[in-house]
Amino acid sequence: MPLLRTRAVIIRSQRWGDADRIVTLYSPDLGKIRCAARGARRMKTRFGGVLEPFGIIDVTLFQKTPDALGQISQIDLVRNFKALREDLSVMAAAAKMVHMVELITADRDPNPEMYSALVYALEHLVPERDVALTTLLFQIHVLGYTGFRPQIDRCTECGNIASPHMPQWFSPRLGGMVCHVCGQRGVGRVLSISKGSLAFIEQARRLPMASLSRLKAIGRVRIEVEEAIDAYFQAVVGKALPAFEQWVSMPHS
C-alpha cells in the first residue's frame, strides 16, 4: 500500500459513520483526493480540531490505488484560517471558492497553479475587502486553470473580431463573446453584455492573482460579469452554484 505525503487544503470534511470523517483535499502534487480519517469524531483523537474546512495541512496517507479512498495516518496543521470562520461573509466566500475547486477538478489531476491561487485567495479574504468580488475574480482564474478560459477577444462562433459599434453577447455554452451577427443568427442562450464588462473579464483573466486587488467592478459591469461567469461555470460543471447571498446563510461545517 503506497505511502503518500503532501501538503493540501481541506475543501470538504463530512461525517462518516459513527466516529469517522471523509475529507476531500486539494494538493499541488496530487490534485483532488478523498481520504478517511478513522476515529476523527471521537472525544480523544489525534485529529482533534485539524480537519476543519479551509485549513492547510501536511498529511501522510495510504492509498492502494489512485482511485481508492485514502486512509490518513498522520496529519499536521500548517494553518487553520480560523479568522475565515469568524465573519459570515468571509466564510461564505471561502466556502464558495473551495466548492468551485471541488466541482471543476477531476480526482488525482494536480494543478499547482490552482493550488497556489486557492491558498492566495484564502489568505486575502478579509472583511475589509469586497469578498464577493474576490470570489468572482478567483472563479475567472479557476476556469482558466482548467482549460475553460473565457474567450473575449473574438467571437466564439465565427472567430471574427467583433465590431466595436455593434452590440455583443456572452454565450455560456460557447464560453465567451458572441458577435452581433452570430447572436442574431442564434447560437443558443446568450446574455447581453457591455464592452466594459468584456474588458473587465479580459483584465481579470490576464492579471495574476496577486494583482487582482486593483480591479473594481460596480453597477452594470458587476451584474453582467457575475451573471456571465456564473452561467459559464454552470455550463462547464453541469451544476449551478448558489448565489453569494445564499452562501452566507448556509451551514459550512
C-alpha atoms as a PDB file:
ATOM      1  CA  MET A   1       0.000   0.000   0.000  1.00  0.00           C
ATOM      2  CA  PRO A   2       1.763   3.216  -1.169  1.00  0.00           C
ATOM      3  CA  LEU A   3       2.552   5.815   1.469  1.00  0.00           C
ATOM      4  CA  LEU A   4       1.963   9.384   0.295  1.00  0.00           C
ATOM      5  CA  ARG A   5       2.829  12.662   1.973  1.00  0.00           C
ATOM      6  CA  THR A   6       1.627  16.011   0.717  1.00  0.00           C
ATOM      7  CA  ARG A   7       0.512  19.485   1.721  1.00  0.00           C
ATOM      8  CA  ALA A   8      -3.137  20.227   0.974  1.00  0.00           C
ATOM      9  CA  VAL A   9      -6.125  22.499   1.518  1.00  0.00           C
ATOM     10  CA  ILE A  10      -9.166  20.886   3.136  1.00  0.00           C
ATOM     11  CA  ILE A  11     -12.056  21.569   0.777  1.00  0.00           C
ATOM     12  CA  ARG A  12     -14.636  19.319   2.443  1.00  0.00           C
ATOM     13  CA  SER A  13     -14.942  17.473   5.751  1.00  0.00           C
ATOM     14  CA  GLN A  14     -18.049  15.379   6.324  1.00  0.00           C
ATOM     15  CA  ARG A  15     -19.247  12.860   8.877  1.00  0.00           C
ATOM     16  CA  TRP A  16     -18.976   9.184   8.005  1.00  0.00           C
ATOM     17  CA  GLY A  17     -20.414   6.510  10.229  1.00  0.00           C
ATOM     18  CA  ASP A  18     -20.384   6.908  13.992  1.00  0.00           C
ATOM     19  CA  ALA A  19     -16.832   8.094  14.537  1.00  0.00           C
ATOM     20  CA  ASP A  20     -15.106   8.835  11.239  1.00  0.00           C
ATOM     21  CA  ARG A  21     -14.842  11.604   8.679  1.00  0.00           C
ATOM     22  CA  ILE A  22     -14.394  11.662   4.922  1.00  0.00           C
ATOM     23  CA  VAL A  23     -12.095  14.518   3.974  1.00  0.00           C
ATOM     24  CA  THR A  24     -11.642  15.941   0.483  1.00  0.00           C
ATOM     25  CA  LEU A  25      -8.257  17.577  -0.038  1.00  0.00           C
ATOM     26  CA  TYR A  26      -6.675  19.603  -2.803  1.00  0.00           C
ATOM     27  CA  SER A  27      -2.933  19.187  -3.154  1.00  0.00           C
ATOM     28  CA  PRO A  28      -0.447  20.790  -5.578  1.00  0.00           C
ATOM     29  CA  ASP A  29       1.171  17.456  -6.433  1.00  0.00           C
ATOM     30  CA  LEU A  30      -1.737  15.003  -6.059  1.00  0.00           C
ATOM     31  CA  GLY A  31      -4.723  17.124  -7.060  1.00  0.00           C
ATOM     32  CA  LYS A  32      -8.103  16.336  -5.514  1.00  0.00           C
ATOM     33  CA  ILE A  33      -8.099  13.319  -3.217  1.00  0.00           C
ATOM     34  CA  ARG A  34     -10.639  11.813  -0.817  1.00  0.00           C
ATOM     35  CA  CYS A  35      -9.450  10.270   2.436  1.00  0.00           C
ATOM     36  CA  ALA A  36     -10.916   8.613   5.508  1.00  0.00           C
ATOM     37  CA  ALA A  37      -9.945   9.929   8.938  1.00  0.00           C
ATOM     38  CA  ARG A  38     -10.747   6.985  11.204  1.00  0.00           C
ATOM     39  CA  GLY A  39     -11.958   7.940  14.665  1.00  0.00           C
ATOM     40  CA  ALA A  40     -11.850  11.660  13.851  1.00  0.00           C
ATOM     41  CA  ARG A  41     -15.115  12.325  15.698  1.00  0.00           C
ATOM     42  CA  ARG A  42     -14.181  10.586  18.928  1.00  0.00           C
ATOM     43  CA  MET A  43     -13.607  12.705  22.030  1.00  0.00           C
ATOM     44  CA  LYS A  44      -9.932  11.745  22.185  1.00  0.00           C
ATOM     45  CA  THR A  45      -8.411  11.692  18.730  1.00  0.00           C
ATOM     46  CA  ARG A  46      -5.153  12.730  17.094  1.00  0.00           C
ATOM     47  CA  PHE A  47      -7.223  14.626  14.519  1.00  0.00           C
ATOM     48  CA  GLY A  48      -8.835  16.949  17.049  1.00  0.00           C
ATOM     49  CA  GLY A  49      -9.509  20.402  15.565  1.00  0.00           C
ATOM     50  CA  VAL A  50      -7.363  19.763  12.494  1.00  0.00           C
ATOM     51  CA  LEU A  51      -9.944  18.726   9.903  1.00  0.00           C
ATOM     52  CA  GLU A  52     -11.864  21.997   9.601  1.00  0.00           C
ATOM     53  CA  PRO A  53     -12.610  23.194   6.042  1.00  0.00           C
ATOM     54  CA  PHE A  54     -10.189  25.726   4.507  1.00  0.00           C
ATOM     55  CA  GLY A  55      -7.274  24.572   6.688  1.00  0.00           C
ATOM     56  CA  ILE A  56      -3.858  23.798   5.213  1.00  0.00           C
ATOM     57  CA  ILE A  57      -2.332  20.534   6.424  1.00  0.00           C
ATOM     58  CA  ASP A  58       0.651  18.278   5.914  1.00  0.00           C
ATOM     59  CA  VAL A  59      -0.832  14.809   5.622  1.00  0.00           C
ATOM     60  CA  THR A  60       0.501  11.271   5.351  1.00  0.00           C
ATOM     61  CA  LEU A  61      -1.895   8.745   3.874  1.00  0.00           C
ATOM     62  CA  PHE A  62      -2.080   5.243   2.492  1.00  0.00           C
ATOM     63  CA  GLN A  63      -3.811   4.600  -0.814  1.00  0.00           C
ATOM     64  CA  LYS A  64      -3.936   1.191  -2.506  1.00  0.00           C
ATOM     65  CA  THR A  65      -4.727   2.559  -5.964  1.00  0.00           C
ATOM     66  CA  PRO A  66      -5.179   6.089  -7.373  1.00  0.00           C
ATOM     67  CA  ASP A  67      -8.974   5.690  -7.392  1.00  0.00           C
ATOM     68  CA  ALA A  68      -9.231   4.148  -3.906  1.00  0.00           C
ATOM     69  CA  LEU A  69     -10.233   6.031  -0.765  1.00  0.00           C
ATOM     70  CA  GLY A  70      -7.084   7.116   1.069  1.00  0.00           C
ATOM     71  CA  GLN A  71      -6.524   6.390   4.757  1.00  0.00           C
ATOM     72  CA  ILE A  72      -4.994   9.210   6.798  1.00  0.00           C
ATOM     73  CA  SER A  73      -2.262   8.019   9.134  1.00  0.00           C
ATOM     74  CA  GLN A  74      -0.694  11.310  10.207  1.00  0.00           C
ATOM     75  CA  ILE A  75      -1.699  14.934   9.954  1.00  0.00           C
ATOM     76  CA  ASP A  76      -0.048  18.213  10.954  1.00  0.00           C
ATOM     77  CA  LEU A  77      -1.823  21.554  10.873  1.00  0.00           C
ATOM     78  CA  VAL A  78       0.027  24.225   8.905  1.00  0.00           C
ATOM     79  CA  ARG A  79      -2.645  26.933   9.018  1.00  0.00           C
ATOM     80  CA  ASN A  80      -6.251  26.776  10.174  1.00  0.00           C
ATOM     81  CA  PHE A  81      -7.573  30.098   8.802  1.00  0.00           C
ATOM     82  CA  LYS A  82      -9.654  30.499  11.942  1.00  0.00           C
ATOM     83  CA  ALA A  83     -10.413  34.113  11.007  1.00  0.00           C
ATOM     84  CA  LEU A  84     -12.309  32.921   7.932  1.00  0.00           C
ATOM     85  CA  ARG A  85     -14.944  31.377  10.192  1.00  0.00           C
ATOM     86  CA  GLU A  86     -15.417  34.484  12.341  1.00  0.00           C
ATOM     87  CA  ASP A  87     -17.265  36.531   9.688  1.00  0.00           C
ATOM     88  CA  LEU A  88     -20.234  35.117   7.776  1.00  0.00           C
ATOM     89  CA  SER A  89     -19.471  36.886   4.504  1.00  0.00           C
ATOM     90  CA  VAL A  90     -15.826  35.846   4.570  1.00  0.00           C
ATOM     91  CA  MET A  91     -16.727  32.255   5.445  1.00  0.00           C
ATOM     92  CA  ALA A  92     -19.293  32.172   2.634  1.00  0.00           C
ATOM     93  CA  ALA A  93     -16.668  33.392   0.153  1.00  0.00           C
ATOM     94  CA  ALA A  94     -14.197  30.735   1.298  1.00  0.00           C
ATOM     95  CA  ALA A  95     -16.879  28.035   1.090  1.00  0.00           C
ATOM     96  CA  LYS A  96     -17.789  29.058  -2.447  1.00  0.00           C
ATOM     97  CA  MET A  97     -14.133  29.037  -3.514  1.00  0.00           C
ATOM     98  CA  VAL A  98     -13.370  25.538  -2.260  1.00  0.00           C
ATOM     99  CA  HIS A  99     -16.656  24.291  -3.726  1.00  0.00           C
ATOM    100  CA  MET A 100     -15.648  25.665  -7.131  1.00  0.00           C
ATOM    101  CA  VAL A 101     -12.377  23.750  -6.944  1.00  0.00           C
ATOM    102  CA  GLU A 102     -14.187  20.590  -5.890  1.00  0.00           C
ATOM    103  CA  LEU A 103     -16.694  20.817  -8.756  1.00  0.00           C
ATOM    104  CA  ILE A 104     -14.378  21.692 -11.629  1.00  0.00           C
ATOM    105  CA  THR A 105     -11.394  19.431 -10.899  1.00  0.00           C
ATOM    106  CA  ALA A 106     -11.050  15.711 -11.565  1.00  0.00           C
ATOM    107  CA  ASP A 107      -9.629  13.338  -8.962  1.00  0.00           C
ATOM    108  CA  ARG A 108      -5.841  12.962  -8.926  1.00  0.00           C
ATOM    109  CA  ASP A 109      -5.299  15.653 -11.571  1.00  0.00           C
ATOM    110  CA  PRO A 110      -2.771  18.016  -9.963  1.00  0.00           C
ATOM    111  CA  ASN A 111      -2.631  21.676 -10.908  1.00  0.00           C
ATOM    112  CA  PRO A 112      -0.054  23.645  -8.877  1.00  0.00           C
ATOM    113  CA  GLU A 113      -1.366  26.965 -10.237  1.00  0.00           C
ATOM    114  CA  MET A 114      -4.846  26.158  -8.975  1.00  0.00           C
ATOM    115  CA  TYR A 115      -3.500  25.253  -5.540  1.00  0.00           C
ATOM    116  CA  SER A 116      -1.399  28.417  -5.270  1.00  0.00           C
ATOM    117  CA  ALA A 117      -4.322  30.599  -6.368  1.00  0.00           C
ATOM    118  CA  LEU A 118      -6.638  28.969  -3.823  1.00  0.00           C
ATOM    119  CA  VAL A 119      -4.175  29.495  -0.976  1.00  0.00           C
ATOM    120  CA  TYR A 120      -3.558  33.098  -2.045  1.00  0.00           C
ATOM    121  CA  ALA A 121      -7.292  33.815  -2.258  1.00  0.00           C
ATOM    122  CA  LEU A 122      -7.977  32.306   1.174  1.00  0.00           C
ATOM    123  CA  GLU A 123      -5.124  34.320   2.674  1.00  0.00           C
ATOM    124  CA  HIS A 124      -6.571  37.564   1.306  1.00  0.00           C
ATOM    125  CA  LEU A 125     -10.200  37.103   2.306  1.00  0.00           C
ATOM    126  CA  VAL A 126     -10.774  39.769   4.942  1.00  0.00           C
ATOM    127  CA  PRO A 127     -13.959  41.649   5.938  1.00  0.00           C
ATOM    128  CA  GLU A 128     -12.446  44.978   4.872  1.00  0.00           C
ATOM    129  CA  ARG A 129     -12.320  43.840   1.237  1.00  0.00           C
ATOM    130  CA  ASP A 130     -15.068  43.126  -1.267  1.00  0.00           C
ATOM    131  CA  VAL A 131     -15.071  39.360  -0.686  1.00  0.00           C
ATOM    132  CA  ALA A 132     -17.755  38.699  -3.305  1.00  0.00           C
ATOM    133  CA  LEU A 133     -15.560  40.390  -5.925  1.00  0.00           C
ATOM    134  CA  THR A 134     -12.510  38.428  -4.764  1.00  0.00           C
ATOM    135  CA  THR A 135     -14.553  35.250  -5.210  1.00  0.00           C
ATOM    136  CA  LEU A 136     -15.648  36.301  -8.702  1.00  0.00           C
ATOM    137  CA  LEU A 137     -12.064  37.029  -9.758  1.00  0.00           C
ATOM    138  CA  PHE A 138     -10.953  33.676  -8.375  1.00  0.00           C
ATOM    139  CA  GLN A 139     -13.748  31.995 -10.345  1.00  0.00           C
ATOM    140  CA  ILE A 140     -12.473  33.543 -13.591  1.00  0.00           C
ATOM    141  CA  HIS A 141      -8.990  32.197 -12.856  1.00  0.00           C
ATOM    142  CA  VAL A 142     -10.306  28.750 -11.910  1.00  0.00           C
ATOM    143  CA  LEU A 143     -11.924  28.497 -15.340  1.00  0.00           C
ATOM    144  CA  GLY A 144      -8.614  29.408 -16.952  1.00  0.00           C
ATOM    145  CA  TYR A 145      -6.569  26.902 -14.936  1.00  0.00           C
ATOM    146  CA  THR A 146      -8.806  24.070 -16.112  1.00  0.00           C
ATOM    147  CA  GLY A 147      -8.756  24.960 -19.801  1.00  0.00           C
ATOM    148  CA  PHE A 148     -12.003  26.946 -19.877  1.00  0.00           C
ATOM    149  CA  ARG A 149     -10.659  30.499 -20.026  1.00  0.00           C
ATOM    150  CA  PRO A 150     -13.428  32.790 -21.339  1.00  0.00           C
ATOM    151  CA  GLN A 151     -12.754  33.934 -24.916  1.00  0.00           C
ATOM    152  CA  ILE A 152     -13.260  37.667 -25.115  1.00  0.00           C
ATOM    153  CA  ASP A 153     -11.062  38.924 -27.965  1.00  0.00           C
ATOM    154  CA  ARG A 154     -13.082  37.385 -30.827  1.00  0.00           C
ATOM    155  CA  CYS A 155     -16.435  35.713 -31.474  1.00  0.00           C
ATOM    156  CA  THR A 156     -16.599  32.154 -30.142  1.00  0.00           C
ATOM    157  CA  GLU A 157     -18.895  31.150 -33.013  1.00  0.00           C
ATOM    158  CA  CYS A 158     -17.365  32.620 -36.180  1.00  0.00           C
ATOM    159  CA  GLY A 159     -13.916  33.605 -34.909  1.00  0.00           C
ATOM    160  CA  ASN A 160     -14.142  37.169 -36.173  1.00  0.00           C
ATOM    161  CA  ILE A 161     -13.225  40.240 -34.161  1.00  0.00           C
ATOM    162  CA  ALA A 162     -16.474  41.939 -33.178  1.00  0.00           C
ATOM    163  CA  SER A 163     -17.318  45.415 -34.440  1.00  0.00           C
ATOM    164  CA  PRO A 164     -16.909  47.972 -31.624  1.00  0.00           C
ATOM    165  CA  HIS A 165     -20.027  49.726 -32.898  1.00  0.00           C
ATOM    166  CA  MET A 166     -22.409  46.757 -32.606  1.00  0.00           C
ATOM    167  CA  PRO A 167     -23.975  45.080 -29.534  1.00  0.00           C
ATOM    168  CA  GLN A 168     -22.323  41.902 -28.279  1.00  0.00           C
ATOM    169  CA  TRP A 169     -23.380  38.936 -26.192  1.00  0.00           C
ATOM    170  CA  PHE A 170     -21.841  36.283 -23.978  1.00  0.00           C
ATOM    171  CA  SER A 171     -22.574  32.623 -24.653  1.00  0.00           C
ATOM    172  CA  PRO A 172     -22.346  30.313 -21.595  1.00  0.00           C
ATOM    173  CA  ARG A 173     -22.377  27.263 -23.895  1.00  0.00           C
ATOM    174  CA  LEU A 174     -19.535  28.524 -26.100  1.00  0.00           C
ATOM    175  CA  GLY A 175     -17.641  30.136 -23.254  1.00  0.00           C
ATOM    176  CA  GLY A 176     -17.155  33.652 -24.472  1.00  0.00           C
ATOM    177  CA  MET A 177     -18.180  36.632 -26.532  1.00  0.00           C
ATOM    178  CA  VAL A 178     -20.593  36.285 -29.453  1.00  0.00           C
ATOM    179  CA  CYS A 179     -20.681  38.991 -32.125  1.00  0.00           C
ATOM    180  CA  HIS A 180     -23.850  40.779 -33.164  1.00  0.00           C
ATOM    181  CA  VAL A 181     -24.272  38.769 -36.383  1.00  0.00           C
ATOM    182  CA  CYS A 182     -23.940  35.359 -34.709  1.00  0.00           C
ATOM    183  CA  GLY A 183     -26.091  36.458 -31.803  1.00  0.00           C
ATOM    184  CA  GLN A 184     -28.844  37.436 -34.235  1.00  0.00           C
ATOM    185  CA  ARG A 185     -28.447  34.163 -36.125  1.00  0.00           C
ATOM    186  CA  GLY A 186     -28.979  32.103 -32.983  1.00  0.00           C
ATOM    187  CA  VAL A 187     -26.339  30.139 -31.048  1.00  0.00           C
ATOM    188  CA  GLY A 188     -28.417  29.104 -28.066  1.00  0.00           C
ATOM    189  CA  ARG A 189     -28.773  31.126 -24.894  1.00  0.00           C
ATOM    190  CA  VAL A 190     -26.831  34.380 -24.919  1.00  0.00           C
ATOM    191  CA  LEU A 191     -26.525  37.109 -22.303  1.00  0.00           C
ATOM    192  CA  SER A 192     -26.413  40.804 -23.076  1.00  0.00           C
ATOM    193  CA  ILE A 193     -23.013  42.161 -22.091  1.00  0.00           C
ATOM    194  CA  SER A 194     -21.395  45.579 -22.424  1.00  0.00           C
ATOM    195  CA  LYS A 195     -17.943  46.327 -23.772  1.00  0.00           C
ATOM    196  CA  GLY A 196     -16.932  47.463 -20.283  1.00  0.00           C
ATOM    197  CA  SER A 197     -17.880  44.082 -18.835  1.00  0.00           C
ATOM    198  CA  LEU A 198     -15.975  42.218 -21.551  1.00  0.00           C
ATOM    199  CA  ALA A 199     -12.945  44.427 -20.883  1.00  0.00           C
ATOM    200  CA  PHE A 200     -13.171  43.646 -17.167  1.00  0.00           C
ATOM    201  CA  ILE A 201     -13.216  39.878 -17.810  1.00  0.00           C
ATOM    202  CA  GLU A 202     -10.241  40.278 -20.143  1.00  0.00           C
ATOM    203  CA  GLN A 203      -8.268  42.165 -17.493  1.00  0.00           C
ATOM    204  CA  ALA A 204      -9.200  39.683 -14.782  1.00  0.00           C
ATOM    205  CA  ARG A 205      -8.122  36.657 -16.783  1.00  0.00           C
ATOM    206  CA  ARG A 206      -4.774  38.215 -17.779  1.00  0.00           C
ATOM    207  CA  LEU A 207      -3.660  39.624 -14.428  1.00  0.00           C
ATOM    208  CA  PRO A 208      -2.009  37.296 -11.889  1.00  0.00           C
ATOM    209  CA  MET A 209      -3.922  36.666  -8.670  1.00  0.00           C
ATOM    210  CA  ALA A 210      -1.562  38.930  -6.734  1.00  0.00           C
ATOM    211  CA  SER A 211      -2.530  41.908  -8.923  1.00  0.00           C
ATOM    212  CA  LEU A 212      -6.298  41.430  -8.956  1.00  0.00           C
ATOM    213  CA  SER A 213      -6.907  43.673  -5.946  1.00  0.00           C
ATOM    214  CA  ARG A 214      -6.507  46.704  -8.228  1.00  0.00           C
ATOM    215  CA  LEU A 215      -9.638  45.726 -10.199  1.00  0.00           C
ATOM    216  CA  LYS A 216     -13.015  47.156  -9.240  1.00  0.00           C
ATOM    217  CA  ALA A 217     -16.455  46.345 -10.608  1.00  0.00           C
ATOM    218  CA  ILE A 218     -19.649  48.139  -9.698  1.00  0.00           C
ATOM    219  CA  GLY A 219     -23.098  48.716 -11.137  1.00  0.00           C
ATOM    220  CA  ARG A 220     -23.894  47.247 -14.526  1.00  0.00           C
ATOM    221  CA  VAL A 221     -20.418  45.796 -15.054  1.00  0.00           C
ATOM    222  CA  ARG A 222     -20.562  43.877 -11.781  1.00  0.00           C
ATOM    223  CA  ILE A 223     -24.019  42.459 -12.524  1.00  0.00           C
ATOM    224  CA  GLU A 224     -23.174  41.435 -16.097  1.00  0.00           C
ATOM    225  CA  VAL A 225     -19.845  39.818 -15.230  1.00  0.00           C
ATOM    226  CA  GLU A 226     -21.304  37.855 -12.314  1.00  0.00           C
ATOM    227  CA  GLU A 227     -24.178  36.615 -14.477  1.00  0.00           C
ATOM    228  CA  ALA A 228     -21.914  35.652 -17.387  1.00  0.00           C
ATOM    229  CA  ILE A 229     -19.247  33.882 -15.334  1.00  0.00           C
ATOM    230  CA  ASP A 230     -21.733  32.025 -13.120  1.00  0.00           C
ATOM    231  CA  ALA A 231     -23.663  30.854 -16.198  1.00  0.00           C
ATOM    232  CA  TYR A 232     -20.455  29.734 -17.918  1.00  0.00           C
ATOM    233  CA  PHE A 233     -19.240  27.913 -14.806  1.00  0.00           C
ATOM    234  CA  GLN A 234     -22.599  26.131 -14.612  1.00  0.00           C
ATOM    235  CA  ALA A 235     -22.292  25.103 -18.274  1.00  0.00           C
ATOM    236  CA  VAL A 236     -18.814  23.693 -17.613  1.00  0.00           C
ATOM    237  CA  VAL A 237     -19.584  21.694 -14.454  1.00  0.00           C
ATOM    238  CA  GLY A 238     -23.246  20.941 -15.165  1.00  0.00           C
ATOM    239  CA  LYS A 239     -24.401  22.329 -11.852  1.00  0.00           C
ATOM    240  CA  ALA A 240     -25.394  25.794 -10.671  1.00  0.00           C
ATOM    241  CA  LEU A 241     -23.573  27.454  -7.807  1.00  0.00           C
ATOM    242  CA  PRO A 242     -25.791  29.100  -5.187  1.00  0.00           C
ATOM    243  CA  ALA A 243     -25.836  32.892  -5.293  1.00  0.00           C
ATOM    244  CA  PHE A 244     -23.336  34.544  -2.964  1.00  0.00           C
ATOM    245  CA  GLU A 245     -26.125  35.706  -0.648  1.00  0.00           C
ATOM    246  CA  GLN A 246     -27.244  32.081  -0.229  1.00  0.00           C
ATOM    247  CA  TRP A 247     -23.769  31.012   0.865  1.00  0.00           C
ATOM    248  CA  VAL A 248     -23.964  33.464   3.761  1.00  0.00           C
ATOM    249  CA  SER A 249     -26.979  31.665   5.219  1.00  0.00           C
ATOM    250  CA  MET A 250     -25.678  28.130   4.627  1.00  0.00           C
ATOM    251  CA  PRO A 251     -24.105  25.900   7.312  1.00  0.00           C
ATOM    252  CA  HIS A 252     -20.421  25.312   6.479  1.00  0.00           C
ATOM    253  CA  SER A 253     -19.378  22.557   8.862  1.00  0.00           C
END
